[in-house]
């Protein structure tokens, strides 16, 4: 599990950068809501960035407890 970002993390990185950072630390699948919460962004921002990462073959869409989730591929 990844801790929530600190205030300095929020100041140093954009929301999309934080989503990418969270996905790099995943050790399994996580829901969009979990990733958004860990990155400190809205689910919409997380979903948009995760879709881009999926297009770049960095993550794969999956189901987590019947919810849309993602797992990293690298």
N, C-alpha and C. Protein backbone atom coordinates (compact mmCIF):
# COMPACT_ATOMS: atom_id res chain seq x y z
N UNK A 1 0.84 -1.18 0.00
CA UNK A 1 0.00 0.00 0.00
C UNK A 1 0.89 1.24 0.00
N UNK A 2 0.39 2.26 -0.66
CA UNK A 2 1.12 3.52 -0.77
C UNK A 2 0.47 4.56 0.12
N UNK A 3 1.25 5.25 0.95
CA UNK A 3 0.65 6.28 1.80
C UNK A 3 0.14 7.44 0.95
N UNK A 4 -0.77 8.19 1.51
CA UNK A 4 -1.25 9.39 0.83
C UNK A 4 -0.10 10.39 0.68
N UNK A 5 -0.18 11.23 -0.33
CA UNK A 5 0.91 12.19 -0.54
C UNK A 5 0.99 13.21 0.58
N UNK A 6 2.19 13.70 0.80
CA UNK A 6 2.37 14.78 1.76
C UNK A 6 2.07 16.08 1.05
N UNK A 7 1.94 17.14 1.80
CA UNK A 7 1.67 18.45 1.19
C UNK A 7 2.80 18.84 0.25
N UNK A 8 4.05 18.54 0.59
CA UNK A 8 5.15 18.91 -0.30
C UNK A 8 5.07 18.14 -1.61
N UNK A 9 4.59 16.87 -1.55
CA UNK A 9 4.43 16.10 -2.78
C UNK A 9 3.41 16.78 -3.67
N UNK A 10 2.34 17.29 -3.08
CA UNK A 10 1.32 17.97 -3.85
C UNK A 10 1.86 19.26 -4.46
N UNK A 11 2.77 19.92 -3.76
CA UNK A 11 3.35 21.16 -4.28
C UNK A 11 4.38 20.90 -5.36
N UNK A 12 5.09 19.78 -5.27
CA UNK A 12 6.18 19.48 -6.19
C UNK A 12 5.75 18.78 -7.46
N UNK A 13 4.58 18.16 -7.47
CA UNK A 13 4.15 17.37 -8.62
C UNK A 13 2.72 17.74 -9.01
N UNK A 14 2.44 17.64 -10.31
CA UNK A 14 1.06 17.83 -10.76
C UNK A 14 0.24 16.60 -10.36
N UNK A 15 -1.06 16.72 -10.44
CA UNK A 15 -1.92 15.59 -10.13
C UNK A 15 -1.65 14.40 -11.02
N UNK A 16 -1.45 14.64 -12.30
CA UNK A 16 -1.18 13.56 -13.24
C UNK A 16 0.17 12.89 -12.94
N UNK A 17 1.15 13.68 -12.53
CA UNK A 17 2.45 13.10 -12.14
C UNK A 17 2.29 12.22 -10.91
N UNK A 18 1.44 12.64 -9.99
CA UNK A 18 1.21 11.85 -8.78
C UNK A 18 0.51 10.53 -9.12
N UNK A 19 -0.44 10.58 -10.06
CA UNK A 19 -1.11 9.34 -10.49
C UNK A 19 -0.07 8.38 -11.07
N UNK A 20 0.82 8.89 -11.92
CA UNK A 20 1.87 8.04 -12.49
C UNK A 20 2.78 7.48 -11.39
N UNK A 21 3.11 8.30 -10.41
CA UNK A 21 3.97 7.84 -9.31
C UNK A 21 3.28 6.74 -8.51
N UNK A 22 1.99 6.90 -8.25
CA UNK A 22 1.26 5.88 -7.51
C UNK A 22 1.24 4.57 -8.30
N UNK A 23 0.99 4.63 -9.60
CA UNK A 23 0.93 3.40 -10.38
C UNK A 23 2.28 2.68 -10.40
N UNK A 24 3.36 3.41 -10.30
CA UNK A 24 4.68 2.78 -10.28
C UNK A 24 4.92 1.98 -9.01
N UNK A 25 4.17 2.27 -7.97
CA UNK A 25 4.36 1.58 -6.69
C UNK A 25 3.33 0.48 -6.46
N UNK A 26 2.39 0.30 -7.38
CA UNK A 26 1.37 -0.73 -7.18
C UNK A 26 1.99 -2.12 -7.19
N UNK A 27 1.56 -2.95 -6.26
CA UNK A 27 2.01 -4.33 -6.19
C UNK A 27 0.87 -5.28 -6.52
N UNK A 28 -0.10 -4.77 -7.20
CA UNK A 28 -1.28 -5.52 -7.59
C UNK A 28 -2.27 -4.52 -8.15
N UNK A 29 -3.46 -4.97 -8.37
CA UNK A 29 -4.48 -4.09 -8.92
C UNK A 29 -5.07 -3.18 -7.84
N UNK A 30 -5.49 -2.00 -8.26
CA UNK A 30 -6.14 -1.04 -7.38
C UNK A 30 -7.26 -0.36 -8.14
N UNK A 31 -8.31 0.01 -7.44
CA UNK A 31 -9.41 0.71 -8.10
C UNK A 31 -8.99 2.13 -8.46
N UNK A 32 -9.73 2.71 -9.37
CA UNK A 32 -9.49 4.11 -9.75
C UNK A 32 -9.63 5.00 -8.52
N UNK A 33 -10.63 4.73 -7.70
CA UNK A 33 -10.84 5.53 -6.48
C UNK A 33 -9.66 5.44 -5.53
N UNK A 34 -9.10 4.23 -5.36
CA UNK A 34 -7.93 4.06 -4.48
C UNK A 34 -6.74 4.83 -5.02
N UNK A 35 -6.52 4.72 -6.32
CA UNK A 35 -5.39 5.43 -6.94
C UNK A 35 -5.59 6.94 -6.82
N UNK A 36 -6.80 7.41 -7.07
CA UNK A 36 -7.10 8.84 -6.94
C UNK A 36 -6.86 9.32 -5.52
N UNK A 37 -7.32 8.54 -4.54
CA UNK A 37 -7.15 8.91 -3.14
C UNK A 37 -5.66 8.99 -2.77
N UNK A 38 -4.90 7.99 -3.17
CA UNK A 38 -3.47 7.97 -2.86
C UNK A 38 -2.73 9.12 -3.53
N UNK A 39 -3.18 9.49 -4.74
CA UNK A 39 -2.51 10.57 -5.48
C UNK A 39 -3.03 11.95 -5.08
N UNK A 40 -4.11 12.00 -4.35
CA UNK A 40 -4.68 13.28 -3.95
C UNK A 40 -5.32 14.03 -5.09
N UNK A 41 -5.98 13.28 -6.00
CA UNK A 41 -6.64 13.89 -7.16
C UNK A 41 -8.08 13.40 -7.23
N UNK A 42 -8.85 13.99 -8.11
CA UNK A 42 -10.22 13.53 -8.31
C UNK A 42 -10.21 12.21 -9.08
N UNK A 43 -11.26 11.40 -8.92
CA UNK A 43 -11.35 10.17 -9.70
C UNK A 43 -11.33 10.44 -11.21
N UNK A 44 -11.87 11.56 -11.64
CA UNK A 44 -11.86 11.90 -13.06
C UNK A 44 -10.44 12.10 -13.57
N UNK A 45 -9.64 12.85 -12.81
CA UNK A 45 -8.24 13.08 -13.20
C UNK A 45 -7.49 11.76 -13.23
N UNK A 46 -7.68 10.93 -12.20
CA UNK A 46 -7.01 9.63 -12.16
C UNK A 46 -7.43 8.77 -13.33
N UNK A 47 -8.72 8.72 -13.61
CA UNK A 47 -9.23 7.90 -14.71
C UNK A 47 -8.66 8.35 -16.05
N UNK A 48 -8.62 9.66 -16.27
CA UNK A 48 -8.06 10.20 -17.52
C UNK A 48 -6.59 9.82 -17.68
N UNK A 49 -5.81 9.97 -16.63
CA UNK A 49 -4.38 9.65 -16.70
C UNK A 49 -4.17 8.15 -16.84
N UNK A 50 -4.96 7.36 -16.15
CA UNK A 50 -4.85 5.90 -16.26
C UNK A 50 -5.19 5.43 -17.66
N UNK A 51 -6.16 6.07 -18.31
CA UNK A 51 -6.49 5.71 -19.70
C UNK A 51 -5.31 6.00 -20.62
N UNK A 52 -4.62 7.11 -20.38
CA UNK A 52 -3.43 7.42 -21.18
C UNK A 52 -2.32 6.41 -20.92
N UNK A 53 -2.14 6.03 -19.66
CA UNK A 53 -1.12 5.03 -19.32
C UNK A 53 -1.47 3.67 -19.93
N UNK A 54 -2.76 3.37 -20.01
CA UNK A 54 -3.18 2.11 -20.64
C UNK A 54 -2.86 2.15 -22.14
N UNK A 55 -3.10 3.27 -22.78
CA UNK A 55 -2.78 3.41 -24.21
C UNK A 55 -1.29 3.25 -24.47
N UNK A 56 -0.48 3.64 -23.49
CA UNK A 56 0.98 3.53 -23.62
C UNK A 56 1.49 2.17 -23.11
N UNK A 57 0.57 1.25 -22.81
CA UNK A 57 0.91 -0.08 -22.31
C UNK A 57 1.71 -0.05 -21.02
N UNK A 58 1.39 0.89 -20.15
CA UNK A 58 2.05 0.98 -18.83
C UNK A 58 1.19 0.34 -17.75
N UNK A 59 -0.13 0.33 -17.95
CA UNK A 59 -1.06 -0.31 -17.02
C UNK A 59 -2.09 -1.10 -17.82
N UNK A 60 -2.75 -2.01 -17.12
CA UNK A 60 -3.82 -2.81 -17.74
C UNK A 60 -5.08 -2.64 -16.92
N UNK A 61 -6.20 -2.47 -17.60
CA UNK A 61 -7.49 -2.34 -16.94
C UNK A 61 -7.92 -3.72 -16.44
N UNK A 62 -8.49 -3.75 -15.25
CA UNK A 62 -8.96 -5.00 -14.66
C UNK A 62 -10.11 -4.69 -13.71
N UNK A 63 -10.70 -5.69 -13.14
CA UNK A 63 -11.74 -5.49 -12.13
C UNK A 63 -11.18 -5.77 -10.75
N UNK A 64 -11.55 -4.92 -9.81
CA UNK A 64 -11.18 -5.09 -8.41
C UNK A 64 -12.48 -4.99 -7.62
N UNK A 65 -12.91 -6.10 -7.05
CA UNK A 65 -14.18 -6.12 -6.30
C UNK A 65 -15.32 -5.54 -7.13
N UNK A 66 -15.40 -5.95 -8.38
CA UNK A 66 -16.44 -5.51 -9.32
C UNK A 66 -16.37 -4.03 -9.67
N UNK A 67 -15.25 -3.39 -9.42
CA UNK A 67 -15.03 -1.99 -9.79
C UNK A 67 -13.89 -1.92 -10.79
N UNK A 68 -13.93 -0.88 -11.63
CA UNK A 68 -12.84 -0.70 -12.59
C UNK A 68 -11.56 -0.42 -11.84
N UNK A 69 -10.51 -1.15 -12.21
CA UNK A 69 -9.22 -0.96 -11.59
C UNK A 69 -8.11 -1.08 -12.62
N UNK A 70 -6.89 -0.89 -12.15
CA UNK A 70 -5.73 -0.97 -13.02
C UNK A 70 -4.59 -1.65 -12.27
N UNK A 71 -3.73 -2.32 -13.04
CA UNK A 71 -2.50 -2.87 -12.49
C UNK A 71 -1.37 -2.50 -13.43
N UNK A 72 -0.18 -2.31 -12.89
CA UNK A 72 0.94 -1.89 -13.71
C UNK A 72 1.49 -3.06 -14.51
N UNK A 73 2.10 -2.75 -15.63
CA UNK A 73 2.65 -3.77 -16.51
C UNK A 73 4.17 -3.79 -16.53
N UNK A 74 4.82 -2.84 -15.90
CA UNK A 74 6.29 -2.81 -15.94
C UNK A 74 6.88 -3.05 -14.60
